[in-house]
């Protein structure tokens, strides 16, 4: 699976998250990105990589939730 596309979020029109969920997700990402950058500046490269791994996990989880909703939507249309 190619994870390089996970670095960019889908356009809002394709995303079924509520505005509140989207805002919370963006706040988490922003906080993690800031922490990662602080770690790098302090020379804490292992911790920075751990934070990057968590960012990637959150993006994958979000993508998986979106895919699950899409599959459910298609299933409901077929039934």
N, C-alpha and C. Protein backbone atom coordinates (compact mmCIF):
# COMPACT_ATOMS: atom_id res chain seq x y z
N UNK A 1 0.84 -1.19 0.00
CA UNK A 1 0.00 0.00 0.00
C UNK A 1 0.88 1.24 0.00
N UNK A 2 0.58 2.18 -0.84
CA UNK A 2 1.35 3.41 -0.95
C UNK A 2 0.82 4.43 0.05
N UNK A 3 1.62 4.78 1.04
CA UNK A 3 1.19 5.70 2.08
C UNK A 3 1.54 7.14 1.76
N UNK A 4 2.21 7.40 0.64
CA UNK A 4 2.62 8.77 0.33
C UNK A 4 1.41 9.68 0.12
N UNK A 5 0.31 9.13 -0.35
CA UNK A 5 -0.89 9.93 -0.56
C UNK A 5 -1.58 10.30 0.74
N UNK A 6 -1.19 9.69 1.83
CA UNK A 6 -1.83 9.97 3.11
C UNK A 6 -1.39 11.29 3.71
N UNK A 7 -0.35 11.89 3.15
CA UNK A 7 0.12 13.15 3.68
C UNK A 7 -0.79 14.31 3.34
N UNK A 8 -1.65 14.13 2.38
CA UNK A 8 -2.60 15.19 2.04
C UNK A 8 -4.00 14.70 2.36
N UNK A 9 -4.77 15.54 2.98
CA UNK A 9 -6.12 15.19 3.35
C UNK A 9 -7.04 15.34 2.15
N UNK A 10 -8.11 14.56 2.11
CA UNK A 10 -9.05 14.67 1.00
C UNK A 10 -9.79 16.00 1.05
N UNK A 11 -10.25 16.46 -0.10
CA UNK A 11 -11.04 17.70 -0.11
C UNK A 11 -12.27 17.53 0.77
N UNK A 12 -12.71 18.61 1.37
CA UNK A 12 -13.83 18.56 2.29
C UNK A 12 -15.07 17.96 1.63
N UNK A 13 -15.29 18.23 0.35
CA UNK A 13 -16.47 17.73 -0.33
C UNK A 13 -16.50 16.19 -0.39
N UNK A 14 -15.35 15.55 -0.29
CA UNK A 14 -15.30 14.10 -0.31
C UNK A 14 -15.24 13.50 1.09
N UNK A 15 -15.20 14.32 2.09
CA UNK A 15 -15.03 13.88 3.45
C UNK A 15 -16.35 14.03 4.19
N UNK A 16 -16.82 12.96 4.84
CA UNK A 16 -18.10 13.00 5.53
C UNK A 16 -17.98 13.37 7.00
N UNK A 17 -16.81 13.70 7.46
CA UNK A 17 -16.65 14.11 8.86
C UNK A 17 -17.37 15.42 9.08
N UNK A 18 -17.92 15.56 10.28
CA UNK A 18 -18.55 16.83 10.62
C UNK A 18 -17.47 17.90 10.72
N UNK A 19 -17.90 19.15 10.66
CA UNK A 19 -16.94 20.25 10.78
C UNK A 19 -16.18 20.16 12.09
N UNK A 20 -16.88 19.75 13.14
CA UNK A 20 -16.24 19.63 14.47
C UNK A 20 -15.20 18.53 14.46
N UNK A 21 -15.52 17.38 13.85
CA UNK A 21 -14.56 16.28 13.76
C UNK A 21 -13.35 16.68 12.93
N UNK A 22 -13.60 17.36 11.83
CA UNK A 22 -12.52 17.81 10.95
C UNK A 22 -11.62 18.81 11.69
N UNK A 23 -12.24 19.71 12.42
CA UNK A 23 -11.47 20.71 13.17
C UNK A 23 -10.63 20.04 14.25
N UNK A 24 -11.22 19.07 14.95
CA UNK A 24 -10.48 18.36 15.99
C UNK A 24 -9.30 17.59 15.39
N UNK A 25 -9.52 16.96 14.24
CA UNK A 25 -8.47 16.23 13.56
C UNK A 25 -7.34 17.17 13.16
N UNK A 26 -7.69 18.31 12.59
CA UNK A 26 -6.67 19.29 12.17
C UNK A 26 -5.90 19.82 13.37
N UNK A 27 -6.58 20.05 14.50
CA UNK A 27 -5.91 20.52 15.71
C UNK A 27 -4.92 19.48 16.22
N UNK A 28 -5.31 18.21 16.21
CA UNK A 28 -4.40 17.14 16.63
C UNK A 28 -3.17 17.10 15.73
N UNK A 29 -3.42 17.14 14.42
CA UNK A 29 -2.29 17.11 13.48
C UNK A 29 -1.36 18.29 13.70
N UNK A 30 -1.93 19.46 13.87
CA UNK A 30 -1.12 20.66 14.06
C UNK A 30 -0.28 20.55 15.32
N UNK A 31 -0.90 20.09 16.40
CA UNK A 31 -0.17 19.94 17.67
C UNK A 31 0.97 18.93 17.52
N UNK A 32 0.68 17.83 16.84
CA UNK A 32 1.72 16.81 16.65
C UNK A 32 2.84 17.31 15.74
N UNK A 33 2.49 18.03 14.69
CA UNK A 33 3.51 18.60 13.80
C UNK A 33 4.40 19.58 14.57
N UNK A 34 3.79 20.42 15.39
CA UNK A 34 4.56 21.37 16.20
C UNK A 34 5.50 20.64 17.15
N UNK A 35 4.98 19.60 17.80
CA UNK A 35 5.81 18.83 18.73
C UNK A 35 6.97 18.16 17.99
N UNK A 36 6.67 17.60 16.82
CA UNK A 36 7.71 16.95 16.01
C UNK A 36 8.81 17.95 15.66
N UNK A 37 8.42 19.15 15.23
CA UNK A 37 9.40 20.18 14.87
C UNK A 37 10.23 20.60 16.08
N UNK A 38 9.60 20.72 17.24
CA UNK A 38 10.34 21.05 18.47
C UNK A 38 11.36 19.96 18.78
N UNK A 39 10.94 18.71 18.64
CA UNK A 39 11.86 17.60 18.90
C UNK A 39 13.06 17.66 17.98
N UNK A 40 12.82 17.93 16.72
CA UNK A 40 13.92 18.02 15.76
C UNK A 40 14.88 19.15 16.11
N UNK A 41 14.32 20.29 16.50
CA UNK A 41 15.16 21.43 16.87
C UNK A 41 16.00 21.12 18.10
N UNK A 42 15.47 20.28 18.99
CA UNK A 42 16.18 19.91 20.21
C UNK A 42 17.09 18.70 19.99
N UNK A 43 17.12 18.19 18.76
CA UNK A 43 17.97 17.04 18.47
C UNK A 43 17.39 15.71 18.93
N UNK A 44 16.12 15.68 19.24
CA UNK A 44 15.45 14.46 19.69
C UNK A 44 14.83 13.77 18.48
N UNK A 45 15.70 13.21 17.65
CA UNK A 45 15.27 12.67 16.37
C UNK A 45 14.44 11.40 16.50
N UNK A 46 14.74 10.58 17.49
CA UNK A 46 13.95 9.36 17.68
C UNK A 46 12.53 9.73 18.11
N UNK A 47 12.41 10.67 19.03
CA UNK A 47 11.08 11.12 19.46
C UNK A 47 10.34 11.78 18.30
N UNK A 48 11.04 12.55 17.49
CA UNK A 48 10.42 13.19 16.33
C UNK A 48 9.88 12.13 15.37
N UNK A 49 10.63 11.06 15.18
CA UNK A 49 10.17 9.98 14.30
C UNK A 49 8.96 9.27 14.90
N UNK A 50 8.95 9.10 16.21
CA UNK A 50 7.79 8.49 16.87
C UNK A 50 6.54 9.36 16.68
N UNK A 51 6.71 10.65 16.77
CA UNK A 51 5.59 11.57 16.56
C UNK A 51 5.13 11.48 15.11
N UNK A 52 6.07 11.43 14.17
CA UNK A 52 5.70 11.29 12.76
C UNK A 52 4.94 9.99 12.53
N UNK A 53 5.36 8.93 13.20
CA UNK A 53 4.65 7.65 13.08
C UNK A 53 3.21 7.79 13.57
N UNK A 54 3.01 8.52 14.67
CA UNK A 54 1.66 8.73 15.19
C UNK A 54 0.83 9.56 14.22
N UNK A 55 1.43 10.56 13.62
CA UNK A 55 0.73 11.37 12.60
C UNK A 55 0.27 10.46 11.47
N UNK A 56 1.16 9.61 11.01
CA UNK A 56 0.82 8.68 9.93
C UNK A 56 -0.32 7.75 10.35
N UNK A 57 -0.27 7.25 11.58
CA UNK A 57 -1.33 6.38 12.09
C UNK A 57 -2.67 7.09 12.08
N UNK A 58 -2.70 8.33 12.54
CA UNK A 58 -3.95 9.09 12.57
C UNK A 58 -4.51 9.28 11.17
N UNK A 59 -3.64 9.57 10.22
CA UNK A 59 -4.09 9.76 8.84
C UNK A 59 -4.63 8.45 8.25
N UNK A 60 -3.98 7.35 8.56
CA UNK A 60 -4.45 6.05 8.09
C UNK A 60 -5.80 5.72 8.71
N UNK A 61 -5.93 5.96 10.02
CA UNK A 61 -7.20 5.70 10.70
C UNK A 61 -8.32 6.53 10.08
N UNK A 62 -8.04 7.79 9.80
CA UNK A 62 -9.04 8.66 9.19
C UNK A 62 -9.41 8.13 7.80
N UNK A 63 -8.42 7.74 7.04
CA UNK A 63 -8.66 7.21 5.71
C UNK A 63 -9.48 5.92 5.78
N UNK A 64 -9.17 5.07 6.73
CA UNK A 64 -9.91 3.82 6.90
C UNK A 64 -11.37 4.07 7.29
N UNK A 65 -11.60 5.06 8.15
CA UNK A 65 -12.98 5.41 8.53
C UNK A 65 -13.75 5.91 7.31
N UNK A 66 -13.09 6.72 6.51
CA UNK A 66 -13.73 7.25 5.31
C UNK A 66 -14.07 6.11 4.35
N UNK A 67 -13.13 5.19 4.14
CA UNK A 67 -13.35 4.06 3.26
C UNK A 67 -14.50 3.19 3.79
N UNK A 68 -14.54 2.97 5.08
CA UNK A 68 -15.61 2.17 5.69
C UNK A 68 -16.97 2.84 5.44
N UNK A 69 -17.04 4.16 5.59
CA UNK A 69 -18.30 4.88 5.33
C UNK A 69 -18.70 4.76 3.87
N UNK A 70 -17.72 4.85 2.98
CA UNK A 70 -17.99 4.74 1.55
C UNK A 70 -18.50 3.34 1.21
N UNK A 71 -17.85 2.31 1.75
CA UNK A 71 -18.30 0.95 1.50
C UNK A 71 -19.70 0.72 2.06
N UNK A 72 -19.96 1.26 3.24
CA UNK A 72 -21.28 1.12 3.84
C UNK A 72 -22.33 1.83 2.98
N UNK A 73 -21.99 2.98 2.48
CA UNK A 73 -22.90 3.74 1.61
C UNK A 73 -23.22 2.95 0.35
N UNK A 74 -22.22 2.35 -0.23
CA UNK A 74 -22.43 1.55 -1.44
C UNK A 74 -23.26 0.30 -1.13
N UNK A 75 -22.98 -0.32 0.01
CA UNK A 75 -23.74 -1.48 0.43
C UNK A 75 -25.21 -1.12 0.61
N UNK A 76 -25.48 0.02 1.23
CA UNK A 76 -26.85 0.47 1.44
C UNK A 76 -27.56 0.75 0.13
N UNK A 77 -26.82 1.24 -0.85
CA UNK A 77 -27.43 1.52 -2.16
C UNK A 77 -27.80 0.24 -2.88
N UNK A 78 -27.01 -0.81 -2.70
CA UNK A 78 -27.26 -2.07 -3.39
C UNK A 78 -28.42 -2.82 -2.76
N UNK A 79 -28.58 -2.67 -1.46
CA UNK A 79 -29.63 -3.40 -0.73
C UNK A 79 -30.98 -2.84 -0.99
